[in-house]
Amino acid sequence: MANEVAERIRLRIQEDKFSPTIPAQSLPVTCSFGIAIASDALWTVDSLLHSADCALYEAKNSGRNKAVLANIRSDRAMSAAR
C-alpha cells in the first residue's frame, strides 16, 4: 500500500510542469522514495528510518525517479550483525 501511494505521488510530480519565475520555461522535476514498513512490533523508529534511508539510496543509485521498498529481511539481518 505505501509503495503504491509513493508511486502515485512520484508519477504526479513527474507529470506536473513546474515553472520558474520565467513563464516560458518549465523544469522537469522528479523524486525518489525509500519506503520501510514495520512487519512486527520489534522494529524501532531508528531501524525503520535506517531501512527507508537505504531504500532511498538504492532508488537514487539505480537511476532516480523511483519508489523503492526496503528489503526488511536483509536490513534486519544487517542490524542483528552489528
Protein backbone atom coordinates (compact mmCIF):
# COMPACT_ATOMS: atom_id res chain seq x y z
CA MET A 1 0.00 0.00 0.00
CA ALA A 2 2.70 2.53 0.96
CA ASN A 3 4.63 1.69 -2.19
CA GLU A 4 1.52 2.31 -4.30
CA VAL A 5 0.91 5.69 -2.65
CA ALA A 6 4.55 6.71 -3.17
CA GLU A 7 4.32 5.63 -6.81
CA ARG A 8 1.18 7.72 -7.37
CA ILE A 9 2.88 10.76 -5.79
CA ARG A 10 6.01 10.17 -7.88
CA LEU A 11 4.03 9.98 -11.11
CA ARG A 12 2.02 13.10 -10.26
CA ILE A 13 5.20 15.10 -9.61
CA GLN A 14 6.79 13.78 -12.81
CA GLU A 15 3.73 14.72 -14.90
CA ASP A 16 3.45 18.24 -13.47
CA LYS A 17 5.31 21.03 -15.20
CA PHE A 18 6.98 23.31 -12.72
CA SER A 19 7.61 26.82 -13.95
CA PRO A 20 10.28 29.07 -12.53
CA THR A 21 9.86 32.84 -12.49
CA ILE A 22 10.11 32.98 -16.30
CA PRO A 23 6.72 31.70 -17.57
CA ALA A 24 8.04 30.46 -20.93
CA GLN A 25 10.26 27.88 -19.23
CA SER A 26 9.38 24.73 -17.37
CA LEU A 27 11.61 22.44 -15.38
CA PRO A 28 11.28 18.68 -15.21
CA VAL A 29 11.06 17.60 -11.56
CA THR A 30 11.34 14.04 -10.34
CA CYS A 31 11.54 12.43 -6.93
CA SER A 32 12.71 9.25 -5.28
CA PHE A 33 11.22 7.49 -2.26
CA GLY A 34 12.63 4.99 0.19
CA ILE A 35 9.90 3.03 1.96
CA ALA A 36 10.16 0.83 5.04
CA ILE A 37 7.21 -0.95 6.61
CA ALA A 38 7.28 -2.47 10.09
CA SER A 39 6.19 -6.08 9.85
CA ASP A 40 6.02 -6.55 13.63
CA ALA A 41 6.43 -4.69 16.91
CA LEU A 42 10.16 -5.45 17.13
CA TRP A 43 11.09 -2.58 14.84
CA THR A 44 12.32 0.67 16.35
CA VAL A 45 11.89 4.08 14.77
CA ASP A 46 15.64 4.22 14.20
CA SER A 47 15.73 0.86 12.42
CA LEU A 48 12.79 1.83 10.19
CA LEU A 49 14.42 5.15 9.30
CA HIS A 50 17.66 3.34 8.52
CA SER A 51 15.83 0.87 6.26
CA ALA A 52 13.96 3.67 4.48
CA ASP A 53 17.22 5.59 4.05
CA CYS A 54 18.91 2.54 2.49
CA ALA A 55 15.96 2.11 0.13
CA LEU A 56 16.16 5.80 -0.83
CA TYR A 57 19.86 5.47 -1.70
CA GLU A 58 19.04 2.36 -3.74
CA ALA A 59 16.41 4.36 -5.65
CA LYS A 60 18.85 7.18 -6.33
CA ASN A 61 21.73 4.89 -7.28
CA SER A 62 19.60 2.84 -9.68
CA GLY A 63 18.54 5.76 -11.83
CA ARG A 64 16.46 8.04 -9.60
CA ASN A 65 12.78 8.87 -10.00
CA LYS A 66 11.75 5.63 -8.29
CA ALA A 67 9.94 4.34 -5.25
CA VAL A 68 11.88 1.50 -3.61
CA LEU A 69 10.56 -0.71 -0.83
CA ALA A 70 13.23 -1.67 1.71
CA ASN A 71 14.30 -5.28 1.89
CA ILE A 72 13.24 -5.74 5.51
CA ARG A 73 14.73 -9.22 5.95
CA SER A 74 18.11 -8.10 4.66
CA ASP A 75 18.05 -4.92 6.78
CA ARG A 76 17.12 -6.87 9.92
CA ALA A 77 19.95 -9.35 9.35
CA MET A 78 22.39 -6.46 8.94
CA SER A 79 21.10 -4.81 12.13
CA ALA A 80 21.41 -8.02 14.10
CA ALA A 81 25.01 -8.45 12.94
CA ARG A 82 26.01 -5.07 14.40
